């Protein structure tokens, strides 16, 4: 995430979705190496889920807004994370209660801007009913 000290209520998930920009086939490798039930998961208490690029619904140009994460915990390696508004859009379209709660928390703290969310949400190419549903979720929050 792009915030150095995010609120604790955003840090409750033990799972992180990971997508490899270099090769979609890495999703299986990620699941096998650091996925749920792996030695990594048992050792550290969290795990990754390898996903494909098309797993999440994201606004145009999301790759241009990726945030580089590199600190003492990454041992010099860099990870690329979704910009917070793009992440929130993917969660609004995911249709899960835990994702809506995550966006609700982002808005409550406030770590996102509702106007940016609306602009990005309406830029996504989805069926009309999905767009209507996404806008209704955002307005509800």
Foldseek 3Di string as FASTA:
>chain_A
DPDPDDDPVLVPALEAEDEDPVDLVCQVVQCADFNPPHPVCVVPVHGYGYDYPPPFFFFPPQVVVWDWDDDPVVVGDIDTHTDPLRQLLRLLLVPDPVSLVSCVSCPVVPVDDLVVNLVRLVRTDDDPVSSVSSVVSSVVD
